[in-house]
Each structure stands twice: as C-alpha cells, then as structure tokens.
Amino acid sequence: VGAVTKQTLFPPLMPAGRPFRVSNASRSSRKGIVASNAFLISAGIVTLVLEEDGTVVDTEEFFRSLDDNTHFMVLEKGQKWTQTRNGVAAVRQKKKMGVANITFDLYKLNPKDFIGCLNIKATFYEIYSVSYDIKCMGAKSILRKVLQLMSHAAQITGQFLLYTGTYMLQLM
C-alpha cells in the first residue's frame, strides 16, 4: 500500500461578507460595514460588544451566530458600554432618498490637461460601495489628431475654393 500525499494548491476562499452596523461608544457616529469574521471588525485592538445589551463578541462562533445588520459598538481601552436613557438605543435614521447614490467626480491629474479623469462611485443601501476610475490619458492625443485632421481639411477646402475662383475668373 503506497502513501498518499495531499497538497492544497489554493487555500479555501473566505466566506462572503455580511453587513453590520458599527457605532462608537457615545453613539454619535454610525457606519455600515461588511465583514466575514470578527477579526476584520475589531482587529484585536478594540472590544466589540452588542449595542443593545453590551454583550462582548469574543469568539468567532458567537459572531457567526449573529444576524445580518446587527448593531455593534466599538469600545476602546478604558471605555464601557452604557445603556441609553430610555433603554432602547436611539437609532437616528438618515433621510433616505432611495436605494442607491451615484456620484460622478471629474478631476485633472495635471492642470494643463484639457480632458481629465472621471471617477464614478455608487453606494447601495448605504452599506455597499462600488467605485470605478476612468483615466482619459489617450483622449488628449485623440483630440489633437482630430483637430489636425480638421485643420488639414479646412486647408484643402480653402485651396479648392481659391483654385475654383481663379478658374471661374479666367473663364469670364
């Protein structure tokens, strides 16, 4: 019976990220994040607790058992979880205009550029964000070639009109 050796060429992929809401200890700042494990959120530098009751999220199993969009609170060293005045976390909802926000940002890498770059950013449900940057480096040379072509066409048209006018004068 021979020995069998198994070697993994590709490590297993990370599980898909899930959406969560994270606030600071004073509940003045809330951010939406996507994480697949508790390490990506806390990175071992801060303490991660449930905002509703202050339960510490200290194991990966407990983190995986939580529902999507769970509200967390990040506590730095020396900070403690406190209950809100009326016992329920006051969640300030932003005025939502819709499902997505799309932002177009035009900018130039060099002040001498005629055509700059375009950055398109889309945010979905205030949690997921996608960005695409279009650099129009070749547009300047294309525009220059088009202008040269138009200049040559105008020059040829002018020469044609001059020769046609001269020929008409000779015929008269």
Foldseek 3Di string as FASTA:
>chain_A
DDDDDDDDPDDDDQPWWFWEWEAEQVRPDIAIETGRFVCVVQVPQWWKAQLLPGHTDDDRVVVVPDDGHGYIYTGGPPDGHDADPVSGDDDDDDDDPDFKDKDWDADAPDPPDPGAKIKIWMDGPRHDIDIDIGGPPVVRVVVVVVVVVVVVVVVVVVVVVVVVVVVVVVVD
